[in-house]
């Protein structure tokens, strides 16, 4: 989110606006700001919505590099542009920031490029503390989760949290310092319809993720359905799973790349070997330690090996459990033929977080073709699935006669061609 460079100084208990001339140049402006302990700038752009809105007056405080933490919102500059973005990764020598709505990160930010940290936001004469926003949002989310889980238990629904707020609170021991996205709940198939009925009863609506009505008809298996509701202005989302969903949710059965039989067995084993925890005196079922590590690794693969916060949380879970790849986890990876999918994740854990995790086999070649873990985009999931499938090439090639895959390829080609033609003819559009 770029910033309009308007600062404020306090003199004799009065707030006196002080506009720094734009023609002074970015270096001159930054030099003036760095002399002040606190200052305010007007926000511009949409990269930090819904937390920061255009025309918000953002209040900053000077901070030393050593005191900056992951998820802090900082004002930094790069290539003559000042911006306020979230810290998503930090080392002793640099950090990386990214706008919450941006697909790509800002790259490495050195200590001398950091101007200050956000301490509050003024919007329509109201002072907003980002930390309070996080707390309110997670508190509302937790309250909704408790209502749903209480009803699940009254109806004897067999469930387990794959990930989500209860898992976060159990391991972090504090509320998230960001807007929390969703909760993934694995439901035993015989109880799926009842779970959907309960969510609908509580005012949740299902989100249709189909690419088109035709693609929806072609899909031969339901993997997950997202249910959402707005609570006091915040979206609350539950992703209800019928399996761990590390393949392609847009496509149902992909036997040519991974056996459905193994997915079914893994699903049942996860439901059977769940762990009971207590958060705020409320009971929840989450995956046991080895399956949680396995699922979080598969989830990171599912997101094209991107999203530093996912990898950071996996590092935390491993450290909290003092894992060095125990026999149970190793056996599960081997049993379900998941080595190719998870070994690059463990390689990245070691590279970026120095995670004390022993796993010798990995495929760095596929990582070189993907984007950075700090970006939201990456190589397409189908390419990853095809490349890392445990099946031999002669068997994988049969995936291209799958009617779902054929339609997806045609749909993607049509979308790209449509965009290309639009860009080609756009310069010649007449404005009458």
Protein backbone atom coordinates (compact mmCIF):
# COMPACT_ATOMS: atom_id res chain seq x y z
CA UNK A 1 0.00 0.00 0.00
CA UNK A 2 1.77 3.20 -1.17
CA UNK A 3 1.63 6.16 1.17
CA UNK A 4 0.83 9.82 0.58
CA UNK A 5 3.59 11.57 2.42
CA UNK A 6 1.75 13.74 4.94
CA UNK A 7 3.21 13.76 8.44
CA UNK A 8 2.03 15.28 11.71
CA UNK A 9 3.95 16.89 14.54
CA UNK A 10 2.63 17.56 18.02
CA UNK A 11 3.26 21.07 19.31
CA UNK A 12 1.78 22.35 22.57
CA UNK A 13 -0.77 19.51 22.68
CA UNK A 14 -2.05 20.40 19.22
CA UNK A 15 -1.76 18.30 16.08
CA UNK A 16 -0.29 20.48 13.37
CA UNK A 17 -0.30 19.03 9.83
CA UNK A 18 3.06 19.21 8.15
CA UNK A 19 3.18 18.44 4.45
CA UNK A 20 6.56 17.34 3.14
CA UNK A 21 6.94 18.70 -0.41
CA UNK A 22 6.84 15.86 -2.96
CA UNK A 23 9.46 17.62 -5.06
CA UNK A 24 11.89 17.21 -2.17
CA UNK A 25 12.57 13.68 -3.43
CA UNK A 26 12.10 10.33 -1.72
CA UNK A 27 15.52 10.33 -0.04
CA UNK A 28 14.97 13.80 1.41
CA UNK A 29 11.51 12.81 2.66
CA UNK A 30 12.80 9.62 4.26
CA UNK A 31 15.63 11.54 5.90
CA UNK A 32 13.10 13.90 7.50
CA UNK A 33 10.86 11.06 8.67
CA UNK A 34 13.75 9.19 10.25
CA UNK A 35 14.41 12.16 12.51
CA UNK A 36 11.01 11.75 14.15
CA UNK A 37 10.04 9.21 16.79
CA UNK A 38 6.41 9.12 15.58
CA UNK A 39 4.73 10.36 12.42
CA UNK A 40 1.59 9.79 10.33
CA UNK A 41 1.03 9.15 6.64
CA UNK A 42 -2.09 8.86 4.55
CA UNK A 43 -2.63 5.39 3.07
CA UNK A 44 -3.20 4.94 -0.63
CA UNK A 45 -3.96 1.79 -2.65
CA UNK A 46 -5.65 -1.52 -1.85
CA UNK A 47 -2.77 -3.91 -1.16
CA UNK A 48 -3.57 -4.10 2.59
CA UNK A 49 -7.37 -4.30 2.49
CA UNK A 50 -9.38 -4.97 4.61
CA UNK A 51 -6.97 -3.90 7.34
CA UNK A 52 -5.88 -0.59 5.79
CA UNK A 53 -8.21 1.46 3.61
CA UNK A 54 -7.30 4.20 1.14
CA UNK A 55 -7.22 7.62 2.87
CA UNK A 56 -6.69 6.06 6.32
CA UNK A 57 -4.29 8.08 8.44
CA UNK A 58 -1.68 5.56 9.52
CA UNK A 59 0.37 6.29 12.64
CA UNK A 60 3.94 5.00 12.79
CA UNK A 61 6.71 4.74 15.32
CA UNK A 62 10.42 4.45 14.68
CA UNK A 63 11.71 0.96 15.54
CA UNK A 64 15.04 -0.81 15.51
CA UNK A 65 15.48 -3.74 13.14
CA UNK A 66 16.09 -6.17 16.03
CA UNK A 67 12.63 -5.49 17.52
CA UNK A 68 10.66 -6.12 14.33
CA UNK A 69 8.69 -9.38 14.32
CA UNK A 70 6.91 -11.44 11.70
CA UNK A 71 3.42 -10.03 10.96
CA UNK A 72 4.40 -6.49 12.00
CA UNK A 73 3.18 -3.84 9.55
CA UNK A 74 6.08 -1.62 8.57
CA UNK A 75 6.73 1.39 6.39
CA UNK A 76 9.66 0.74 4.07
CA UNK A 77 11.00 2.10 0.82
CA UNK A 78 12.43 0.46 -2.28
CA UNK A 79 13.18 1.83 -5.73
CA UNK A 80 11.94 5.32 -4.77
CA UNK A 81 8.60 3.98 -3.52
CA UNK A 82 7.39 4.02 0.09
CA UNK A 83 4.89 1.33 1.11
CA UNK A 84 3.25 -0.19 4.20
CA UNK A 85 3.24 -3.99 4.06
CA UNK A 86 3.33 -7.00 6.37
CA UNK A 87 6.58 -8.67 7.43
CA UNK A 88 6.32 -12.30 6.33
CA UNK A 89 9.91 -13.45 6.91
CA UNK A 90 12.94 -12.21 8.82
CA UNK A 91 16.61 -13.12 9.18
CA UNK A 92 19.44 -11.40 11.06
CA UNK A 93 20.34 -9.36 7.97
CA UNK A 94 17.09 -8.66 6.09
CA UNK A 95 13.34 -9.18 6.07
CA UNK A 96 10.70 -9.71 3.41
CA UNK A 97 7.40 -7.85 3.21
CA UNK A 98 4.23 -8.42 1.20
CA UNK A 99 0.90 -6.68 0.81
CA UNK A 100 -1.91 -8.91 2.07
CA UNK A 101 -3.66 -8.63 -1.31
CA UNK A 102 -0.53 -8.78 -3.46
CA UNK A 103 0.46 -11.94 -5.29
CA UNK A 104 4.17 -11.14 -5.12
CA UNK A 105 6.36 -10.11 -2.21
CA UNK A 106 8.52 -6.98 -2.14
CA UNK A 107 11.73 -9.00 -1.99
CA UNK A 108 14.51 -8.40 0.51
CA UNK A 109 14.30 -5.28 2.68
CA UNK A 110 17.48 -4.24 4.47
CA UNK A 111 17.51 -2.45 7.87
CA UNK A 112 18.32 0.94 6.30
CA UNK A 113 15.19 0.69 4.09
CA UNK A 114 12.84 0.50 7.10
CA UNK A 115 11.28 3.77 8.27
CA UNK A 116 8.84 2.73 11.00
CA UNK A 117 6.19 0.31 12.29
CA UNK A 118 2.40 0.84 12.31
CA UNK A 119 1.03 1.48 15.80
CA UNK A 120 -2.53 2.60 14.98
CA UNK A 121 -4.84 3.73 12.21
CA UNK A 122 -7.28 6.66 12.16
CA UNK A 123 -10.39 6.14 10.05
CA UNK A 124 -13.35 8.56 10.14
CA UNK A 125 -12.31 9.94 13.53
CA UNK A 126 -11.91 6.43 14.98
CA UNK A 127 -8.57 5.09 16.19
CA UNK A 128 -8.00 1.47 15.20
CA UNK A 129 -5.32 -0.75 16.71
CA UNK A 130 -4.45 -3.59 14.28
CA UNK A 131 -3.75 -5.93 17.20
CA UNK A 132 -7.28 -5.35 18.49
CA UNK A 133 -8.68 -6.06 15.01
CA UNK A 134 -6.87 -9.42 14.98
CA UNK A 135 -8.12 -10.21 18.49
CA UNK A 136 -11.74 -9.27 17.72
CA UNK A 137 -11.74 -11.25 14.47
CA UNK A 138 -10.23 -14.39 16.01
CA UNK A 139 -12.55 -14.12 19.03
CA UNK A 140 -15.62 -13.97 16.76
CA UNK A 141 -14.22 -16.85 14.74
CA UNK A 142 -13.59 -18.94 17.85
CA UNK A 143 -17.12 -18.30 19.11
CA UNK A 144 -18.56 -19.51 15.81
CA UNK A 145 -16.31 -22.59 15.85
CA UNK A 146 -17.48 -23.51 19.35
CA UNK A 147 -21.14 -23.29 18.27
CA UNK A 148 -20.56 -25.52 15.26
CA UNK A 149 -18.44 -28.09 17.11
CA UNK A 150 -20.88 -28.28 20.03
CA UNK A 151 -23.64 -29.09 17.55
CA UNK A 152 -21.43 -31.60 15.73
CA UNK A 153 -20.80 -33.42 19.00
CA UNK A 154 -24.49 -33.44 19.97
CA UNK A 155 -25.17 -35.12 16.64
CA UNK A 156 -22.26 -37.58 17.05
CA UNK A 157 -20.48 -36.31 13.95
CA UNK A 158 -17.05 -37.83 13.51
CA UNK A 159 -14.72 -34.92 12.69
CA UNK A 160 -11.14 -33.73 13.09
CA UNK A 161 -9.55 -30.31 12.49
CA UNK A 162 -6.96 -30.52 9.74
CA UNK A 163 -5.94 -26.94 10.46
CA UNK A 164 -7.62 -23.80 11.73
CA UNK A 165 -7.95 -21.52 14.72
CA UNK A 166 -8.10 -24.22 17.46
CA UNK A 167 -4.88 -25.75 16.09
CA UNK A 168 -3.24 -22.31 15.95
CA UNK A 169 -4.27 -21.39 19.50
CA UNK A 170 -3.13 -24.76 20.84
CA UNK A 171 0.38 -24.39 19.40
CA UNK A 172 0.88 -20.62 19.41
CA UNK A 173 -0.80 -19.98 22.82
CA UNK A 174 -1.95 -16.60 21.48
CA UNK A 175 -4.35 -15.17 18.91
CA UNK A 176 -3.16 -14.81 15.29
CA UNK A 177 -1.45 -11.52 14.39
CA UNK A 178 -3.23 -11.38 11.04
CA UNK A 179 -6.74 -11.78 9.68
CA UNK A 180 -7.40 -15.51 9.95
CA UNK A 181 -8.61 -17.14 6.75
CA UNK A 182 -10.46 -20.41 7.30
CA UNK A 183 -10.79 -23.66 9.26
CA UNK A 184 -10.37 -27.02 7.51
CA UNK A 185 -12.49 -29.79 9.06
CA UNK A 186 -12.37 -33.40 7.90
CA UNK A 187 -15.77 -35.08 8.20
CA UNK A 188 -16.44 -38.81 8.07
CA UNK A 189 -18.35 -39.43 4.83
CA UNK A 190 -21.52 -40.91 6.44
CA UNK A 191 -21.85 -37.71 8.51
CA UNK A 192 -21.21 -35.24 5.68
CA UNK A 193 -24.85 -34.43 4.85
CA UNK A 194 -25.68 -33.82 8.53
CA UNK A 195 -22.68 -31.48 8.87
CA UNK A 196 -23.87 -29.51 5.83
CA UNK A 197 -27.36 -29.33 7.35
CA UNK A 198 -25.96 -27.94 10.60
CA UNK A 199 -23.88 -25.25 8.89
CA UNK A 200 -26.87 -24.23 6.78
CA UNK A 201 -29.01 -24.02 9.91
CA UNK A 202 -26.50 -21.58 11.44
CA UNK A 203 -26.77 -19.29 8.41
CA UNK A 204 -23.73 -20.45 6.42
CA UNK A 205 -23.86 -20.49 2.64
CA UNK A 206 -21.88 -22.81 0.40
CA UNK A 207 -19.48 -21.25 -2.10
CA UNK A 208 -19.56 -22.66 -5.61
CA UNK A 209 -15.94 -23.00 -6.75
CA UNK A 210 -16.80 -24.55 -10.12
CA UNK A 211 -15.18 -23.01 -13.17
CA UNK A 212 -18.41 -23.38 -15.15
CA UNK A 213 -21.69 -25.36 -15.14
CA UNK A 214 -20.11 -27.86 -17.56
CA UNK A 215 -17.08 -28.40 -15.33
CA UNK A 216 -19.42 -28.89 -12.36
CA UNK A 217 -21.21 -31.70 -14.23
CA UNK A 218 -17.93 -33.37 -15.21
CA UNK A 219 -16.65 -33.47 -11.62
CA UNK A 220 -17.07 -37.05 -10.38
CA UNK A 221 -16.20 -36.57 -6.70
CA UNK A 222 -16.79 -33.94 -4.00
CA UNK A 223 -13.54 -33.23 -2.17
CA UNK A 224 -14.44 -30.19 -0.10
CA UNK A 225 -17.08 -27.47 0.16
CA UNK A 226 -16.46 -24.02 1.60
CA UNK A 227 -19.17 -22.49 3.82
CA UNK A 228 -19.09 -18.79 4.70
CA UNK A 229 -20.95 -16.19 6.74
CA UNK A 230 -20.29 -12.54 7.63
CA UNK A 231 -20.17 -12.00 11.39
CA UNK A 232 -19.93 -8.37 12.56
CA UNK A 233 -18.24 -7.41 9.30
CA UNK A 234 -15.73 -10.28 9.32
CA UNK A 235 -15.95 -13.32 7.01
CA UNK A 236 -16.04 -16.69 8.79
CA UNK A 237 -15.21 -19.65 6.56
CA UNK A 238 -15.37 -23.39 7.17
CA UNK A 239 -13.86 -25.73 4.57
CA UNK A 240 -15.60 -29.07 5.04
CA UNK A 241 -13.43 -31.91 3.70
CA UNK A 242 -14.28 -35.45 2.68
CA UNK A 243 -10.56 -36.23 2.33
CA UNK A 244 -7.27 -34.37 3.06
CA UNK A 245 -7.61 -32.61 -0.35
CA UNK A 246 -4.00 -32.31 -1.44
CA UNK A 247 -4.81 -33.13 -5.08
CA UNK A 248 -6.86 -30.82 -7.34
CA UNK A 249 -10.15 -29.76 -5.77
CA UNK A 250 -11.47 -28.70 -9.19
CA UNK A 251 -11.05 -32.29 -10.42
CA UNK A 252 -12.45 -35.31 -8.63
CA UNK A 253 -10.82 -38.67 -9.21
CA UNK A 254 -7.30 -38.68 -10.69
CA UNK A 255 -6.36 -42.37 -10.54
CA UNK A 256 -3.66 -41.91 -13.17
CA UNK A 257 -1.67 -39.67 -10.81
CA UNK A 258 -2.51 -40.98 -7.35
CA UNK A 259 -4.66 -43.93 -6.19
CA UNK A 260 -8.01 -43.03 -4.69
CA UNK A 261 -7.76 -46.13 -2.52
CA UNK A 262 -4.80 -44.63 -0.65
CA UNK A 263 -6.64 -41.31 -0.19
CA UNK A 264 -9.57 -43.18 1.36
CA UNK A 265 -7.30 -45.15 3.69
CA UNK A 266 -5.42 -42.01 4.74
CA UNK A 267 -8.72 -40.25 5.46
CA UNK A 268 -9.92 -43.04 7.74
CA UNK A 269 -6.60 -43.27 9.54
CA UNK A 270 -6.60 -39.53 10.22
CA UNK A 271 -10.12 -39.74 11.66
CA UNK A 272 -9.22 -42.78 13.75
CA UNK A 273 -5.95 -41.43 15.18
CA UNK A 274 -7.10 -37.97 16.23
CA UNK A 275 -5.94 -36.08 19.30
CA UNK A 276 -8.12 -34.40 21.91
CA UNK A 277 -7.04 -30.93 23.02
CA UNK A 278 -8.49 -28.15 25.14
CA UNK A 279 -8.47 -24.49 24.16
CA UNK A 280 -10.12 -22.00 26.52
CA UNK A 281 -11.64 -24.98 28.38
CA UNK A 282 -13.31 -26.20 25.20
CA UNK A 283 -12.59 -29.68 23.79
CA UNK A 284 -11.56 -30.12 20.14
CA UNK A 285 -10.25 -32.99 18.05
CA UNK A 286 -7.20 -32.27 15.92
CA UNK A 287 -4.81 -34.51 14.00
CA UNK A 288 -2.24 -36.31 16.09
CA UNK A 289 1.28 -34.90 15.84
CA UNK A 290 2.62 -37.08 13.03
CA UNK A 291 -0.49 -36.72 10.84
CA UNK A 292 -0.64 -32.97 11.51
CA UNK A 293 2.93 -32.58 10.24
CA UNK A 294 2.09 -34.76 7.24
CA UNK A 295 -1.08 -32.83 6.42
CA UNK A 296 0.55 -29.39 6.80
CA UNK A 297 3.33 -30.54 4.46
CA UNK A 298 0.76 -31.78 1.92
CA UNK A 299 -1.17 -28.52 2.32
CA UNK A 300 1.96 -26.52 1.52
CA UNK A 301 2.50 -28.67 -1.57
CA UNK A 302 -1.19 -28.13 -2.47
CA UNK A 303 -0.48 -24.38 -2.51
CA UNK A 304 2.38 -24.77 -4.99
CA UNK A 305 5.05 -24.58 -2.26
CA UNK A 306 4.10 -20.95 -1.55
CA UNK A 307 3.00 -19.00 1.52
CA UNK A 308 5.73 -18.43 4.10
CA UNK A 309 3.21 -18.36 6.98
CA UNK A 310 2.25 -21.96 6.20
CA UNK A 311 5.87 -23.09 6.32
CA UNK A 312 6.53 -21.06 9.48
CA UNK A 313 3.63 -22.73 11.31
CA UNK A 314 4.80 -26.18 10.21
CA UNK A 315 8.23 -25.34 11.62
CA UNK A 316 6.57 -24.41 14.93
CA UNK A 317 4.60 -27.68 15.10
CA UNK A 318 7.72 -29.72 14.43
CA UNK A 319 9.72 -27.88 17.10
CA UNK A 320 6.90 -28.09 19.67
CA UNK A 321 6.77 -31.85 19.19
CA UNK A 322 10.57 -32.27 19.12
CA UNK A 323 10.27 -34.20 15.86
CA UNK A 324 13.23 -35.57 13.95
CA UNK A 325 11.09 -37.73 11.64
CA UNK A 326 9.89 -40.52 13.90
CA UNK A 327 9.08 -44.01 12.65
CA UNK A 328 5.30 -43.41 12.57
CA UNK A 329 5.58 -40.39 10.30
CA UNK A 330 8.20 -42.03 8.11
CA UNK A 331 6.06 -45.16 7.79
CA UNK A 332 2.97 -43.10 6.87
CA UNK A 333 4.86 -41.24 4.15
CA UNK A 334 6.11 -44.52 2.72
CA UNK A 335 2.79 -46.36 3.10
CA UNK A 336 0.84 -43.67 1.26
CA UNK A 337 3.55 -43.02 -1.36
CA UNK A 338 3.85 -39.33 -0.42
CA UNK A 339 7.64 -38.96 -0.53
CA UNK A 340 7.66 -36.90 -3.72
CA UNK A 341 5.01 -34.48 -2.44
CA UNK A 342 6.41 -33.80 1.05
CA UNK A 343 10.18 -34.10 0.67
CA UNK A 344 10.50 -30.70 -1.12
CA UNK A 345 8.60 -29.18 1.83
CA UNK A 346 11.11 -30.56 4.33
CA UNK A 347 13.92 -29.27 2.11
CA UNK A 348 12.40 -25.78 2.19
CA UNK A 349 11.91 -25.98 5.97
CA UNK A 350 15.60 -26.63 6.38
CA UNK A 351 16.55 -23.91 3.91
CA UNK A 352 14.41 -21.07 5.31
CA UNK A 353 13.80 -21.98 8.96
CA UNK A 354 16.69 -24.33 9.81
CA UNK A 355 14.09 -26.80 11.06
CA UNK A 356 15.72 -29.71 12.94
CA UNK A 357 14.05 -32.27 10.72
CA UNK A 358 15.70 -35.30 9.15
CA UNK A 359 14.59 -36.20 5.66
CA UNK A 360 17.22 -36.99 3.07
CA UNK A 361 15.22 -37.39 -0.16
CA UNK A 362 13.97 -34.29 -1.95
CA UNK A 363 13.45 -32.94 -5.44
CA UNK A 364 14.97 -29.46 -5.63
CA UNK A 365 14.62 -29.43 -9.43
CA UNK A 366 10.86 -28.88 -9.13
CA UNK A 367 11.46 -26.00 -6.72
CA UNK A 368 13.70 -24.18 -9.16
CA UNK A 369 10.80 -24.08 -11.61
CA UNK A 370 8.36 -22.70 -9.06
CA UNK A 371 8.05 -19.21 -7.69
CA UNK A 372 9.35 -18.03 -4.33
CA UNK A 373 7.69 -19.34 -1.15
CA UNK A 374 6.99 -15.68 -0.37
CA UNK A 375 4.70 -15.20 -3.36
CA UNK A 376 1.10 -16.34 -3.70
CA UNK A 377 1.43 -17.60 -7.25
CA UNK A 378 3.40 -20.57 -8.45
CA UNK A 379 3.53 -23.20 -11.15
CA UNK A 380 0.17 -24.81 -11.70
CA UNK A 381 -0.87 -27.60 -9.35
CA UNK A 382 -1.54 -30.02 -12.22
CA UNK A 383 2.08 -29.73 -13.35
CA UNK A 384 3.24 -30.40 -9.80
CA UNK A 385 0.96 -33.41 -9.48
CA UNK A 386 2.10 -34.81 -12.81
CA UNK A 387 5.80 -34.24 -12.03
CA UNK A 388 5.71 -35.62 -8.48
CA UNK A 389 3.22 -38.45 -8.91
CA UNK A 390 4.64 -41.75 -7.61
CA UNK A 391 3.49 -43.53 -10.77
CA UNK A 392 5.79 -44.24 -13.75
CA UNK A 393 5.50 -41.96 -16.77
CA UNK A 394 3.78 -44.54 -18.98
CA UNK A 395 0.91 -44.71 -16.49
CA UNK A 396 0.72 -40.97 -15.77
CA UNK A 397 0.28 -40.16 -19.44
CA UNK A 398 -3.21 -41.71 -19.33
CA UNK A 399 -4.38 -38.74 -17.24
CA UNK A 400 -4.76 -36.83 -20.51
CA UNK A 401 -7.69 -38.99 -21.58
CA UNK A 402 -9.58 -38.04 -18.40
CA UNK A 403 -12.60 -35.99 -19.53
CA UNK A 404 -12.19 -33.64 -16.52
CA UNK A 405 -8.57 -32.94 -17.43
CA UNK A 406 -9.44 -32.42 -21.11
CA UNK A 407 -12.11 -29.88 -20.19
CA UNK A 408 -9.79 -28.09 -17.74
CA UNK A 409 -7.07 -27.79 -20.42
CA UNK A 410 -9.57 -26.44 -22.98
CA UNK A 411 -11.03 -24.04 -20.42
CA UNK A 412 -7.55 -22.73 -19.51
CA UNK A 413 -6.57 -22.38 -23.17
CA UNK A 414 -9.80 -20.51 -23.94
CA UNK A 415 -9.28 -18.15 -20.97
CA UNK A 416 -5.69 -17.36 -21.99
CA UNK A 417 -6.69 -16.83 -25.63
CA UNK A 418 -9.54 -14.54 -24.59
CA UNK A 419 -7.17 -12.46 -22.45
CA UNK A 420 -4.60 -12.32 -25.25
CA UNK A 421 -7.15 -11.11 -27.79
CA UNK A 422 -8.51 -8.55 -25.35
CA UNK A 423 -5.01 -7.15 -24.79
CA UNK A 424 -4.29 -7.12 -28.52
CA UNK A 425 -7.42 -5.21 -29.51
CA UNK A 426 -7.66 -2.97 -26.47
CA UNK A 427 -5.36 -0.23 -27.89
CA UNK A 428 -7.68 0.12 -30.90
CA UNK A 429 -10.87 0.50 -28.91
CA UNK A 430 -12.62 3.74 -29.84
CA UNK A 431 -13.95 5.93 -27.03
CA UNK A 432 -17.06 7.72 -28.32
